[in-house]
Amino acid sequence: MPEAALRGFLVESGVPVEGDLQVELISGGRSNLTFSVRDDLSHWVVRRPPTGGLTPSAHDMAREWTVTHALQDTVVPVAGTIAADLTGDAIGAPFTVVEFVDGNVIRSAEDLQTLGDDDIDRNADTMIRTLADLHAIDHRGVGLSEFGRPTGFAARQVKLWSRQWGHVKTRDLDDVEVLADALAEAVPESAAESIVHGDFRVDNTVLDTDDPGVVRAVVDWEMSTLGDPLTDVALMCVYREPVFDRVLGFRAAWTSGRYPDADTLAQRYATLTGHDLPHWGFYLALANFKLGIIAEGITHRALNGASSDDGADRAAAATPEFIAAGLRALRRGD
């Protein structure tokens, strides 16, 4: 991160800067690069895309900026937006600057050791409530009517991730094509419409330091859009599977057996919202399809020298398991 260029951009954007910038890469992600940036008075977070191996639409800074700016005064907690360079002129890549939110980020299973079982259950409940709150927001009322095309969203997701496979695959896997074709045939004829986060799990939230039942901010909005809320719910549930640890390269908090299982989370969402989960097998299959291709993409970027994360070159080992789980979910149906 070029500190002088970043400081110059902040000053030109009208952001008060006192003293030199202190920039530190925040570890823990295999997505957009996240930096802690301080001056003598303020603390911000800067996010930019990875340095290479990019796939179309997967690291969209404009998307993150648009949705977090729109959600500033809603029930969904997000970091305060400060400034954005969506052209990449200042540092050679697009980036966003938001306020640093003080709190606790639970990433690994070890991070759960300080929490009791009641704490974890309350955290699961607040996760469900936060996601339901997001899905209940009137996107037109917050200026996001043009944020996406919710009609036909699931069908486009199948096509999008099928195309992404062509960009990131490191080998041929016949079952990927089998699942893609089966998903295309099983797309529901109609669906609800809402803002979707697209990457919702506990480590994409900042929790209150003293109370894990309070979310201070939802972060990592690069996959957000207008779409089908059940895609969010299903992805949150599939993230619970232990195979996801192989994608991250460590034992994740959200895959821990101390959290309620995926079926329980789905039922809690349905009970809270008062809505059934129709075509649930399709949504679980689509979530597995997406994660399998994301896992492949992590290894693709590593092989192209764009990642220094330990184990990134092995993340694709999880892809066949996700694809197989997707095929099983489709066979089970609802």
C-alpha atoms as a PDB file:
ATOM      1  CA  MET A   1       0.000   0.000   0.000  1.00  0.00           C
ATOM      2  CA  PRO A   2       1.687   3.274  -1.133  1.00  0.00           C
ATOM      3  CA  GLU A   3       1.309   5.437   1.966  1.00  0.00           C
ATOM      4  CA  ALA A   4       2.167   8.780   0.378  1.00  0.00           C
ATOM      5  CA  ALA A   5      -0.364   8.307  -2.431  1.00  0.00           C
ATOM      6  CA  LEU A   6      -3.032   7.210   0.037  1.00  0.00           C
ATOM      7  CA  ARG A   7      -2.370  10.209   2.277  1.00  0.00           C
ATOM      8  CA  GLY A   8      -2.571  12.541  -0.702  1.00  0.00           C
ATOM      9  CA  PHE A   9      -5.898  11.035  -1.750  1.00  0.00           C
ATOM     10  CA  LEU A  10      -7.375  11.417   1.736  1.00  0.00           C
ATOM     11  CA  VAL A  11      -6.319  15.060   1.943  1.00  0.00           C
ATOM     12  CA  GLU A  12      -7.691  15.809  -1.529  1.00  0.00           C
ATOM     13  CA  SER A  13     -10.962  14.129  -0.496  1.00  0.00           C
ATOM     14  CA  GLY A  14     -11.316  16.520   2.433  1.00  0.00           C
ATOM     15  CA  VAL A  15     -10.454  13.966   5.104  1.00  0.00           C
ATOM     16  CA  PRO A  16      -8.447  15.523   7.953  1.00  0.00           C
ATOM     17  CA  VAL A  17      -5.078  13.758   8.290  1.00  0.00           C
ATOM     18  CA  GLU A  18      -2.775  14.430  11.229  1.00  0.00           C
ATOM     19  CA  GLY A  19       0.792  13.178  10.945  1.00  0.00           C
ATOM     20  CA  ASP A  20       2.147  10.220   9.034  1.00  0.00           C
ATOM     21  CA  LEU A  21       0.030   7.217   8.119  1.00  0.00           C
ATOM     22  CA  GLN A  22       0.655   3.864   9.750  1.00  0.00           C
ATOM     23  CA  VAL A  23      -0.506   1.084   7.416  1.00  0.00           C
ATOM     24  CA  GLU A  24      -0.800  -2.561   8.408  1.00  0.00           C
ATOM     25  CA  LEU A  25      -2.171  -5.473   6.387  1.00  0.00           C
ATOM     26  CA  ILE A  26      -4.946  -7.203   8.326  1.00  0.00           C
ATOM     27  CA  SER A  27      -4.610 -10.953   8.021  1.00  0.00           C
ATOM     28  CA  GLY A  28      -7.407 -13.508   7.915  1.00  0.00           C
ATOM     29  CA  GLY A  29      -8.899 -13.171   4.446  1.00  0.00           C
ATOM     30  CA  ARG A  30      -8.434 -14.600   0.966  1.00  0.00           C
ATOM     31  CA  SER A  31     -10.545 -11.996  -0.718  1.00  0.00           C
ATOM     32  CA  ASN A  32     -10.036  -8.254  -1.027  1.00  0.00           C
ATOM     33  CA  LEU A  33      -6.932  -7.019   0.780  1.00  0.00           C
ATOM     34  CA  THR A  34      -7.768  -5.205   4.012  1.00  0.00           C
ATOM     35  CA  PHE A  35      -5.498  -2.678   5.717  1.00  0.00           C
ATOM     36  CA  SER A  36      -5.596  -0.912   9.044  1.00  0.00           C
ATOM     37  CA  VAL A  37      -4.648   2.741   8.491  1.00  0.00           C
ATOM     38  CA  ARG A  38      -3.975   5.208  11.319  1.00  0.00           C
ATOM     39  CA  ASP A  39      -2.792   8.753  11.657  1.00  0.00           C
ATOM     40  CA  ASP A  40      -2.244  10.615  14.924  1.00  0.00           C
ATOM     41  CA  LEU A  41      -5.993  10.997  15.542  1.00  0.00           C
ATOM     42  CA  SER A  42      -8.030   8.632  13.385  1.00  0.00           C
ATOM     43  CA  HIS A  43      -8.276   4.959  12.535  1.00  0.00           C
ATOM     44  CA  TRP A  44      -9.631   3.700   9.207  1.00  0.00           C
ATOM     45  CA  VAL A  45      -9.902   0.508   7.183  1.00  0.00           C
ATOM     46  CA  VAL A  46      -8.839   0.470   3.531  1.00  0.00           C
ATOM     47  CA  ARG A  47      -9.853  -2.329   1.174  1.00  0.00           C
ATOM     48  CA  ARG A  48      -8.582  -3.042  -2.328  1.00  0.00           C
ATOM     49  CA  PRO A  49      -8.677  -6.060  -4.682  1.00  0.00           C
ATOM     50  CA  PRO A  50      -6.004  -8.778  -4.639  1.00  0.00           C
ATOM     51  CA  THR A  51      -2.855  -8.117  -6.632  1.00  0.00           C
ATOM     52  CA  GLY A  52      -3.508 -10.670  -9.369  1.00  0.00           C
ATOM     53  CA  GLY A  53      -5.546 -13.613 -10.597  1.00  0.00           C
ATOM     54  CA  LEU A  54      -8.729 -11.536 -10.677  1.00  0.00           C
ATOM     55  CA  THR A  55     -12.009 -12.896 -11.961  1.00  0.00           C
ATOM     56  CA  PRO A  56     -14.791 -10.697 -13.361  1.00  0.00           C
ATOM     57  CA  SER A  57     -17.033  -9.081 -10.691  1.00  0.00           C
ATOM     58  CA  ALA A  58     -15.480 -11.016  -7.791  1.00  0.00           C
ATOM     59  CA  HIS A  59     -13.673  -8.042  -6.197  1.00  0.00           C
ATOM     60  CA  ASP A  60     -15.975  -5.136  -6.968  1.00  0.00           C
ATOM     61  CA  MET A  61     -15.037  -2.132  -4.825  1.00  0.00           C
ATOM     62  CA  ALA A  62     -17.837  -0.002  -6.263  1.00  0.00           C
ATOM     63  CA  ARG A  63     -20.314  -2.602  -5.059  1.00  0.00           C
ATOM     64  CA  GLU A  64     -18.945  -2.510  -1.502  1.00  0.00           C
ATOM     65  CA  TRP A  65     -18.988   1.271  -1.441  1.00  0.00           C
ATOM     66  CA  THR A  66     -22.500   1.620  -2.851  1.00  0.00           C
ATOM     67  CA  VAL A  67     -24.194  -0.748  -0.459  1.00  0.00           C
ATOM     68  CA  THR A  68     -22.406   0.312   2.725  1.00  0.00           C
ATOM     69  CA  HIS A  69     -23.031   3.974   1.916  1.00  0.00           C
ATOM     70  CA  ALA A  70     -26.731   3.236   1.394  1.00  0.00           C
ATOM     71  CA  LEU A  71     -27.061   1.280   4.648  1.00  0.00           C
ATOM     72  CA  GLN A  72     -25.560   4.002   6.871  1.00  0.00           C
ATOM     73  CA  ASP A  73     -28.828   4.950   8.581  1.00  0.00           C
ATOM     74  CA  THR A  74     -30.557   1.561   8.614  1.00  0.00           C
ATOM     75  CA  VAL A  75     -30.973  -1.150  11.235  1.00  0.00           C
ATOM     76  CA  VAL A  76     -28.133  -3.109   9.610  1.00  0.00           C
ATOM     77  CA  PRO A  77     -24.846  -2.045  11.261  1.00  0.00           C
ATOM     78  CA  VAL A  78     -22.045  -1.072   8.864  1.00  0.00           C
ATOM     79  CA  ALA A  79     -18.832   0.928   9.162  1.00  0.00           C
ATOM     80  CA  GLY A  80     -19.079   4.647   8.463  1.00  0.00           C
ATOM     81  CA  THR A  81     -18.043   5.438   4.891  1.00  0.00           C
ATOM     82  CA  ILE A  82     -15.205   7.963   4.482  1.00  0.00           C
ATOM     83  CA  ALA A  83     -13.958   8.061   0.870  1.00  0.00           C
ATOM     84  CA  ALA A  84     -13.469   5.882  -2.196  1.00  0.00           C
ATOM     85  CA  ASP A  85     -11.348   5.848  -5.332  1.00  0.00           C
ATOM     86  CA  LEU A  86     -13.275   3.580  -7.670  1.00  0.00           C
ATOM     87  CA  THR A  87     -11.085   4.306 -10.700  1.00  0.00           C
ATOM     88  CA  GLY A  88      -7.787   3.241  -9.156  1.00  0.00           C
ATOM     89  CA  ASP A  89      -6.026   6.475 -10.090  1.00  0.00           C
ATOM     90  CA  ALA A  90      -4.537   7.175  -6.660  1.00  0.00           C
ATOM     91  CA  ILE A  91      -2.734   3.910  -5.838  1.00  0.00           C
ATOM     92  CA  GLY A  92      -3.091   1.869  -9.028  1.00  0.00           C
ATOM     93  CA  ALA A  93      -6.155  -0.074  -7.867  1.00  0.00           C
ATOM     94  CA  PRO A  94      -9.661   0.891  -6.723  1.00  0.00           C
ATOM     95  CA  PHE A  95     -10.145   1.084  -2.963  1.00  0.00           C
ATOM     96  CA  THR A  96     -12.525   2.195  -0.245  1.00  0.00           C
ATOM     97  CA  VAL A  97     -11.929   3.883   3.109  1.00  0.00           C
ATOM     98  CA  VAL A  98     -14.286   3.369   6.034  1.00  0.00           C
ATOM     99  CA  GLU A  99     -14.163   4.033   9.756  1.00  0.00           C
ATOM    100  CA  PHE A 100     -12.479   1.411  11.905  1.00  0.00           C
ATOM    101  CA  VAL A 101     -15.107  -0.305  14.062  1.00  0.00           C
ATOM    102  CA  ASP A 102     -13.750  -1.341  17.429  1.00  0.00           C
ATOM    103  CA  GLY A 103     -14.881  -4.809  18.416  1.00  0.00           C
ATOM    104  CA  ASN A 104     -14.194  -8.511  18.308  1.00  0.00           C
ATOM    105  CA  VAL A 105     -13.811 -10.508  15.096  1.00  0.00           C
ATOM    106  CA  ILE A 106     -14.223 -14.240  15.623  1.00  0.00           C
ATOM    107  CA  ARG A 107     -12.368 -16.111  12.888  1.00  0.00           C
ATOM    108  CA  SER A 108     -10.943 -19.352  14.227  1.00  0.00           C
ATOM    109  CA  ALA A 109     -12.209 -22.139  16.448  1.00  0.00           C
ATOM    110  CA  GLU A 110      -9.629 -20.998  18.996  1.00  0.00           C
ATOM    111  CA  ASP A 111     -11.330 -17.597  19.137  1.00  0.00           C
ATOM    112  CA  LEU A 112     -14.409 -19.328  20.545  1.00  0.00           C
ATOM    113  CA  GLN A 113     -12.559 -20.565  23.613  1.00  0.00           C
ATOM    114  CA  THR A 114     -13.340 -17.397  25.543  1.00  0.00           C
ATOM    115  CA  LEU A 115     -17.086 -17.778  24.881  1.00  0.00           C
ATOM    116  CA  GLY A 116     -19.528 -19.937  26.777  1.00  0.00           C
ATOM    117  CA  ASP A 117     -22.164 -22.043  25.068  1.00  0.00           C
ATOM    118  CA  ASP A 118     -24.856 -19.462  25.848  1.00  0.00           C
ATOM    119  CA  ASP A 119     -22.688 -16.754  24.267  1.00  0.00           C
ATOM    120  CA  ILE A 120     -22.314 -18.776  21.088  1.00  0.00           C
ATOM    121  CA  ASP A 121     -26.018 -19.529  20.887  1.00  0.00           C
ATOM    122  CA  ARG A 122     -26.861 -15.839  21.346  1.00  0.00           C
ATOM    123  CA  ASN A 123     -24.339 -14.993  18.663  1.00  0.00           C
ATOM    124  CA  ALA A 124     -26.014 -17.456  16.294  1.00  0.00           C
ATOM    125  CA  ASP A 125     -29.353 -15.805  17.022  1.00  0.00           C
ATOM    126  CA  THR A 126     -28.023 -12.304  16.351  1.00  0.00           C
ATOM    127  CA  MET A 127     -26.450 -13.530  13.114  1.00  0.00           C
ATOM    128  CA  ILE A 128     -29.835 -14.815  11.969  1.00  0.00           C
ATOM    129  CA  ARG A 129     -31.583 -11.633  13.072  1.00  0.00           C
ATOM    130  CA  THR A 130     -29.038  -9.411  11.314  1.00  0.00           C
ATOM    131  CA  LEU A 131     -29.419 -11.335   8.065  1.00  0.00           C
ATOM    132  CA  ALA A 132     -33.213 -11.195   8.337  1.00  0.00           C
ATOM    133  CA  ASP A 133     -33.021  -7.438   9.001  1.00  0.00           C
ATOM    134  CA  LEU A 134     -30.935  -6.988   5.858  1.00  0.00           C
ATOM    135  CA  HIS A 135     -33.421  -8.952   3.765  1.00  0.00           C
ATOM    136  CA  ALA A 136     -36.310  -6.878   5.156  1.00  0.00           C
ATOM    137  CA  ILE A 137     -34.852  -3.506   4.102  1.00  0.00           C
ATOM    138  CA  ASP A 138     -36.707  -1.684   1.347  1.00  0.00           C
ATOM    139  CA  HIS A 139     -33.881  -1.406  -1.165  1.00  0.00           C
ATOM    140  CA  ARG A 140     -35.703   1.275  -3.116  1.00  0.00           C
ATOM    141  CA  GLY A 141     -36.121   3.359   0.023  1.00  0.00           C
ATOM    142  CA  VAL A 142     -32.368   3.442   0.641  1.00  0.00           C
ATOM    143  CA  GLY A 143     -31.473   4.310  -2.945  1.00  0.00           C
ATOM    144  CA  LEU A 144     -30.507   0.846  -4.172  1.00  0.00           C
ATOM    145  CA  SER A 145     -33.191   0.316  -6.797  1.00  0.00           C
ATOM    146  CA  GLU A 146     -30.471   0.087  -9.466  1.00  0.00           C
ATOM    147  CA  PHE A 147     -28.072  -1.980  -7.380  1.00  0.00           C
ATOM    148  CA  GLY A 148     -28.868  -5.215  -9.174  1.00  0.00           C
ATOM    149  CA  ARG A 149     -31.443  -7.190 -11.134  1.00  0.00           C
ATOM    150  CA  PRO A 150     -33.309  -9.363  -8.651  1.00  0.00           C
ATOM    151  CA  THR A 151     -35.599 -10.916 -11.267  1.00  0.00           C
ATOM    152  CA  GLY A 152     -33.973 -14.094 -12.543  1.00  0.00           C
ATOM    153  CA  PHE A 153     -31.170 -13.795  -9.986  1.00  0.00           C
ATOM    154  CA  ALA A 154     -30.759 -17.508  -9.235  1.00  0.00           C
ATOM    155  CA  ALA A 155     -30.576 -18.446 -12.914  1.00  0.00           C
ATOM    156  CA  ARG A 156     -27.910 -15.797 -13.500  1.00  0.00           C
ATOM    157  CA  GLN A 157     -25.965 -17.081 -10.497  1.00  0.00           C
ATOM    158  CA  VAL A 158     -25.800 -20.525 -12.058  1.00  0.00           C
ATOM    159  CA  LYS A 159     -24.492 -18.997 -15.286  1.00  0.00           C
ATOM    160  CA  LEU A 160     -22.088 -16.651 -13.469  1.00  0.00           C
ATOM    161  CA  TRP A 161     -20.417 -19.365 -11.433  1.00  0.00           C
ATOM    162  CA  SER A 162     -20.307 -21.670 -14.424  1.00  0.00           C
ATOM    163  CA  ARG A 163     -18.377 -18.959 -16.283  1.00  0.00           C
ATOM    164  CA  GLN A 164     -16.158 -18.391 -13.261  1.00  0.00           C
ATOM    165  CA  TRP A 165     -15.196 -22.053 -13.383  1.00  0.00           C
ATOM    166  CA  GLY A 166     -13.835 -21.472 -16.861  1.00  0.00           C
ATOM    167  CA  HIS A 167     -11.688 -18.630 -15.528  1.00  0.00           C
ATOM    168  CA  VAL A 168     -10.261 -20.360 -12.452  1.00  0.00           C
ATOM    169  CA  LYS A 169     -10.253 -24.120 -12.949  1.00  0.00           C
ATOM    170  CA  THR A 170      -6.897 -25.768 -12.390  1.00  0.00           C
ATOM    171  CA  ARG A 171      -8.018 -29.176 -13.764  1.00  0.00           C
ATOM    172  CA  ASP A 172     -11.073 -30.769 -15.344  1.00  0.00           C
ATOM    173  CA  LEU A 173     -13.822 -32.049 -13.020  1.00  0.00           C
ATOM    174  CA  ASP A 174     -16.742 -33.593 -14.873  1.00  0.00           C
ATOM    175  CA  ASP A 175     -19.111 -33.275 -11.911  1.00  0.00           C
ATOM    176  CA  VAL A 176     -18.843 -29.486 -12.056  1.00  0.00           C
ATOM    177  CA  GLU A 177     -20.526 -29.513 -15.449  1.00  0.00           C
ATOM    178  CA  VAL A 178     -23.028 -32.104 -14.226  1.00  0.00           C
ATOM    179  CA  LEU A 179     -24.013 -29.921 -11.284  1.00  0.00           C
ATOM    180  CA  ALA A 180     -24.135 -26.771 -13.418  1.00  0.00           C
ATOM    181  CA  ASP A 181     -26.535 -28.440 -15.859  1.00  0.00           C
ATOM    182  CA  ALA A 182     -28.681 -29.853 -13.055  1.00  0.00           C
ATOM    183  CA  LEU A 183     -28.909 -26.466 -11.342  1.00  0.00           C
ATOM    184  CA  ALA A 184     -29.929 -24.788 -14.592  1.00  0.00           C
ATOM    185  CA  GLU A 185     -32.797 -27.279 -14.883  1.00  0.00           C
ATOM    186  CA  ALA A 186     -33.909 -26.801 -11.259  1.00  0.00           C
ATOM    187  CA  VAL A 187     -34.061 -22.993 -10.975  1.00  0.00           C
ATOM    188  CA  PRO A 188     -37.284 -21.974  -9.144  1.00  0.00           C
ATOM    189  CA  GLU A 189     -39.822 -20.166 -11.301  1.00  0.00           C
ATOM    190  CA  SER A 190     -40.285 -17.367  -8.758  1.00  0.00           C
ATOM    191  CA  ALA A 191     -38.457 -16.051  -5.698  1.00  0.00           C
ATOM    192  CA  ALA A 192     -38.400 -13.236  -3.167  1.00  0.00           C
ATOM    193  CA  GLU A 193     -36.256 -10.159  -3.769  1.00  0.00           C
ATOM    194  CA  SER A 194     -33.982  -8.306  -1.332  1.00  0.00           C
ATOM    195  CA  ILE A 195     -30.513  -6.954  -0.719  1.00  0.00           C
ATOM    196  CA  VAL A 196     -28.216  -9.954  -0.322  1.00  0.00           C
ATOM    197  CA  HIS A 197     -24.808  -9.881   1.332  1.00  0.00           C
ATOM    198  CA  GLY A 198     -23.430 -12.834  -0.607  1.00  0.00           C
ATOM    199  CA  ASP A 199     -20.804 -13.870   1.970  1.00  0.00           C
ATOM    200  CA  PHE A 200     -22.523 -13.944   5.353  1.00  0.00           C
ATOM    201  CA  ARG A 201     -20.854 -15.736   8.273  1.00  0.00           C
ATOM    202  CA  VAL A 202     -19.561 -14.780  11.701  1.00  0.00           C
ATOM    203  CA  ASP A 203     -16.057 -13.696  10.636  1.00  0.00           C
ATOM    204  CA  ASN A 204     -17.610 -11.150   8.287  1.00  0.00           C
ATOM    205  CA  THR A 205     -19.013  -9.309  11.274  1.00  0.00           C
ATOM    206  CA  VAL A 206     -17.490  -7.186  14.027  1.00  0.00           C
ATOM    207  CA  LEU A 207     -19.006  -8.114  17.387  1.00  0.00           C
ATOM    208  CA  ASP A 208     -19.272  -6.052  20.533  1.00  0.00           C
ATOM    209  CA  THR A 209     -16.161  -6.630  22.652  1.00  0.00           C
ATOM    210  CA  ASP A 210     -18.194  -7.497  25.737  1.00  0.00           C
ATOM    211  CA  ASP A 211     -21.317  -9.007  24.187  1.00  0.00           C
ATOM    212  CA  PRO A 212     -21.148 -11.485  21.269  1.00  0.00           C
ATOM    213  CA  GLY A 213     -24.894 -11.148  20.965  1.00  0.00           C
ATOM    214  CA  VAL A 214     -24.411  -7.649  19.479  1.00  0.00           C
ATOM    215  CA  VAL A 215     -23.121  -7.070  15.931  1.00  0.00           C
ATOM    216  CA  ARG A 216     -21.302  -3.741  15.639  1.00  0.00           C
ATOM    217  CA  ALA A 217     -20.760  -3.975  11.868  1.00  0.00           C
ATOM    218  CA  VAL A 218     -21.288  -6.331   8.963  1.00  0.00           C
ATOM    219  CA  VAL A 219     -18.253  -6.218   6.658  1.00  0.00           C
ATOM    220  CA  ASP A 220     -16.988  -7.693   3.354  1.00  0.00           C
ATOM    221  CA  TRP A 221     -19.781  -6.608   1.009  1.00  0.00           C
ATOM    222  CA  GLU A 222     -17.949  -7.287  -2.257  1.00  0.00           C
ATOM    223  CA  MET A 223     -20.469  -9.974  -3.318  1.00  0.00           C
ATOM    224  CA  SER A 224     -23.581  -8.001  -2.385  1.00  0.00           C
ATOM    225  CA  THR A 225     -26.367  -7.204  -4.831  1.00  0.00           C
ATOM    226  CA  LEU A 226     -30.147  -7.338  -5.214  1.00  0.00           C
ATOM    227  CA  GLY A 227     -31.240 -10.930  -5.438  1.00  0.00           C
ATOM    228  CA  ASP A 228     -32.872 -13.906  -3.802  1.00  0.00           C
ATOM    229  CA  PRO A 229     -32.558 -13.863   0.013  1.00  0.00           C
ATOM    230  CA  LEU A 230     -32.562 -17.666   0.204  1.00  0.00           C
ATOM    231  CA  THR A 231     -29.185 -17.700  -1.548  1.00  0.00           C
ATOM    232  CA  ASP A 232     -27.810 -15.817   1.479  1.00  0.00           C
ATOM    233  CA  VAL A 233     -29.413 -18.202   3.959  1.00  0.00           C
ATOM    234  CA  ALA A 234     -28.204 -21.304   2.135  1.00  0.00           C
ATOM    235  CA  LEU A 235     -24.650 -19.999   1.811  1.00  0.00           C
ATOM    236  CA  MET A 236     -24.558 -19.181   5.524  1.00  0.00           C
ATOM    237  CA  CYS A 237     -25.628 -22.767   6.205  1.00  0.00           C
ATOM    238  CA  VAL A 238     -23.155 -24.405   3.811  1.00  0.00           C
ATOM    239  CA  TYR A 239     -20.344 -22.372   5.369  1.00  0.00           C
ATOM    240  CA  ARG A 240     -21.017 -24.461   8.486  1.00  0.00           C
ATOM    241  CA  GLU A 241     -19.600 -27.578   6.794  1.00  0.00           C
ATOM    242  CA  PRO A 242     -16.152 -28.662   8.107  1.00  0.00           C
ATOM    243  CA  VAL A 243     -14.789 -28.909   4.543  1.00  0.00           C
ATOM    244  CA  PHE A 244     -14.771 -25.105   4.500  1.00  0.00           C
ATOM    245  CA  ASP A 245     -11.781 -25.261   6.858  1.00  0.00           C
ATOM    246  CA  ARG A 246      -9.751 -26.557   3.916  1.00  0.00           C
ATOM    247  CA  VAL A 247     -10.663 -23.459   1.918  1.00  0.00           C
ATOM    248  CA  LEU A 248      -9.604 -21.082   4.677  1.00  0.00           C
ATOM    249  CA  GLY A 249      -6.542 -23.076   5.672  1.00  0.00           C
ATOM    250  CA  PHE A 250      -7.446 -23.191   9.381  1.00  0.00           C
ATOM    251  CA  ARG A 251     -10.187 -24.406  11.730  1.00  0.00           C
ATOM    252  CA  ALA A 252     -12.838 -21.737  11.348  1.00  0.00           C
ATOM    253  CA  ALA A 253     -15.125 -20.516  14.095  1.00  0.00           C
ATOM    254  CA  TRP A 254     -18.223 -20.818  11.908  1.00  0.00           C
ATOM    255  CA  THR A 255     -17.571 -24.508  11.156  1.00  0.00           C
ATOM    256  CA  SER A 256     -17.266 -25.338  14.852  1.00  0.00           C
ATOM    257  CA  GLY A 257     -19.617 -27.938  16.270  1.00  0.00           C
ATOM    258  CA  ARG A 258     -20.386 -25.510  19.095  1.00  0.00           C
ATOM    259  CA  TYR A 259     -22.646 -23.508  16.779  1.00  0.00           C
ATOM    260  CA  PRO A 260     -26.134 -24.809  15.918  1.00  0.00           C
ATOM    261  CA  ASP A 261     -26.088 -27.054  12.867  1.00  0.00           C
ATOM    262  CA  ALA A 262     -27.109 -25.847   9.433  1.00  0.00           C
ATOM    263  CA  ASP A 263     -30.656 -27.238   9.640  1.00  0.00           C
ATOM    264  CA  THR A 264     -31.209 -25.443  12.944  1.00  0.00           C
ATOM    265  CA  LEU A 265     -29.927 -22.157  11.553  1.00  0.00           C
ATOM    266  CA  ALA A 266     -32.222 -22.453   8.541  1.00  0.00           C
ATOM    267  CA  GLN A 267     -35.197 -23.228  10.751  1.00  0.00           C
ATOM    268  CA  ARG A 268     -34.439 -20.276  13.023  1.00  0.00           C
ATOM    269  CA  TYR A 269     -34.383 -17.979   9.987  1.00  0.00           C
ATOM    270  CA  ALA A 270     -37.696 -19.389   8.763  1.00  0.00           C
ATOM    271  CA  THR A 271     -39.281 -18.992  12.196  1.00  0.00           C
ATOM    272  CA  LEU A 272     -38.002 -15.447  12.674  1.00  0.00           C
ATOM    273  CA  THR A 273     -39.119 -14.243   9.249  1.00  0.00           C
ATOM    274  CA  GLY A 274     -42.331 -16.260   9.132  1.00  0.00           C
ATOM    275  CA  HIS A 275     -41.399 -17.585   5.682  1.00  0.00           C
ATOM    276  CA  ASP A 276     -40.909 -21.138   4.478  1.00  0.00           C
ATOM    277  CA  LEU A 277     -37.742 -22.167   2.636  1.00  0.00           C
ATOM    278  CA  PRO A 278     -39.104 -23.447  -0.699  1.00  0.00           C
ATOM    279  CA  HIS A 279     -36.813 -25.312  -3.115  1.00  0.00           C
ATOM    280  CA  TRP A 280     -34.293 -25.602  -0.292  1.00  0.00           C
ATOM    281  CA  GLY A 281     -32.377 -28.397  -2.010  1.00  0.00           C
ATOM    282  CA  PHE A 282     -31.733 -26.142  -4.989  1.00  0.00           C
ATOM    283  CA  TYR A 283     -30.414 -23.313  -2.809  1.00  0.00           C
ATOM    284  CA  LEU A 284     -28.102 -25.637  -0.868  1.00  0.00           C
ATOM    285  CA  ALA A 285     -26.828 -27.066  -4.148  1.00  0.00           C
ATOM    286  CA  LEU A 286     -26.195 -23.589  -5.564  1.00  0.00           C
ATOM    287  CA  ALA A 287     -24.308 -22.572  -2.408  1.00  0.00           C
ATOM    288  CA  ASN A 288     -22.107 -25.661  -2.641  1.00  0.00           C
ATOM    289  CA  PHE A 289     -21.502 -24.958  -6.337  1.00  0.00           C
ATOM    290  CA  LYS A 290     -20.417 -21.394  -5.552  1.00  0.00           C
ATOM    291  CA  LEU A 291     -18.084 -22.413  -2.728  1.00  0.00           C
ATOM    292  CA  GLY A 292     -16.514 -25.155  -4.791  1.00  0.00           C
ATOM    293  CA  ILE A 293     -15.619 -22.660  -7.490  1.00  0.00           C
ATOM    294  CA  ILE A 294     -14.418 -20.084  -4.945  1.00  0.00           C
ATOM    295  CA  ALA A 295     -12.107 -22.742  -3.481  1.00  0.00           C
ATOM    296  CA  GLU A 296     -10.752 -23.436  -6.946  1.00  0.00           C
ATOM    297  CA  GLY A 297     -10.243 -19.713  -7.486  1.00  0.00           C
ATOM    298  CA  ILE A 298      -8.135 -19.374  -4.348  1.00  0.00           C
ATOM    299  CA  THR A 299      -5.750 -22.012  -5.634  1.00  0.00           C
ATOM    300  CA  HIS A 300      -5.828 -20.477  -9.110  1.00  0.00           C
ATOM    301  CA  ARG A 301      -4.663 -17.133  -7.684  1.00  0.00           C
ATOM    302  CA  ALA A 302      -2.008 -18.839  -5.558  1.00  0.00           C
ATOM    303  CA  LEU A 303      -0.603 -20.680  -8.558  1.00  0.00           C
ATOM    304  CA  ASN A 304      -0.422 -17.344 -10.363  1.00  0.00           C
ATOM    305  CA  GLY A 305       1.539 -15.778  -7.533  1.00  0.00           C
ATOM    306  CA  ALA A 306      -1.250 -13.600  -6.173  1.00  0.00           C
ATOM    307  CA  SER A 307      -1.531 -15.076  -2.679  1.00  0.00           C
ATOM    308  CA  SER A 308       0.922 -15.619   0.142  1.00  0.00           C
ATOM    309  CA  ASP A 309      -1.609 -17.325   2.424  1.00  0.00           C
ATOM    310  CA  ASP A 310      -0.499 -20.663   3.802  1.00  0.00           C
ATOM    311  CA  GLY A 311      -2.416 -23.458   2.147  1.00  0.00           C
ATOM    312  CA  ALA A 312      -3.961 -21.343  -0.603  1.00  0.00           C
ATOM    313  CA  ASP A 313      -2.455 -23.648  -3.203  1.00  0.00           C
ATOM    314  CA  ARG A 314      -4.366 -26.540  -1.595  1.00  0.00           C
ATOM    315  CA  ALA A 315      -7.796 -24.892  -1.223  1.00  0.00           C
ATOM    316  CA  ALA A 316      -9.022 -26.506  -4.454  1.00  0.00           C
ATOM    317  CA  ALA A 317      -8.844 -29.896  -2.744  1.00  0.00           C
ATOM    318  CA  ALA A 318     -12.219 -28.960  -1.228  1.00  0.00           C
ATOM    319  CA  THR A 319     -13.867 -28.337  -4.601  1.00  0.00           C
ATOM    320  CA  PRO A 320     -14.874 -31.961  -5.355  1.00  0.00           C
ATOM    321  CA  GLU A 321     -16.453 -32.267  -1.895  1.00  0.00           C
ATOM    322  CA  PHE A 322     -18.572 -29.149  -2.390  1.00  0.00           C
ATOM    323  CA  ILE A 323     -19.649 -30.300  -5.828  1.00  0.00           C
ATOM    324  CA  ALA A 324     -20.597 -33.746  -4.510  1.00  0.00           C
ATOM    325  CA  ALA A 325     -22.576 -32.149  -1.665  1.00  0.00           C
ATOM    326  CA  GLY A 326     -24.389 -29.979  -4.198  1.00  0.00           C
ATOM    327  CA  LEU A 327     -25.412 -33.002  -6.254  1.00  0.00           C
ATOM    328  CA  ARG A 328     -26.672 -34.760  -3.105  1.00  0.00           C
ATOM    329  CA  ALA A 329     -28.708 -31.704  -2.099  1.00  0.00           C
ATOM    330  CA  LEU A 330     -30.378 -31.562  -5.506  1.00  0.00           C
ATOM    331  CA  ARG A 331     -31.247 -35.250  -5.379  1.00  0.00           C
ATOM    332  CA  ARG A 332     -32.836 -34.790  -1.956  1.00  0.00           C
ATOM    333  CA  GLY A 333     -34.835 -31.806  -3.193  1.00  0.00           C
ATOM    334  CA  ASP A 334     -36.843 -29.886  -0.581  1.00  0.00           C
END
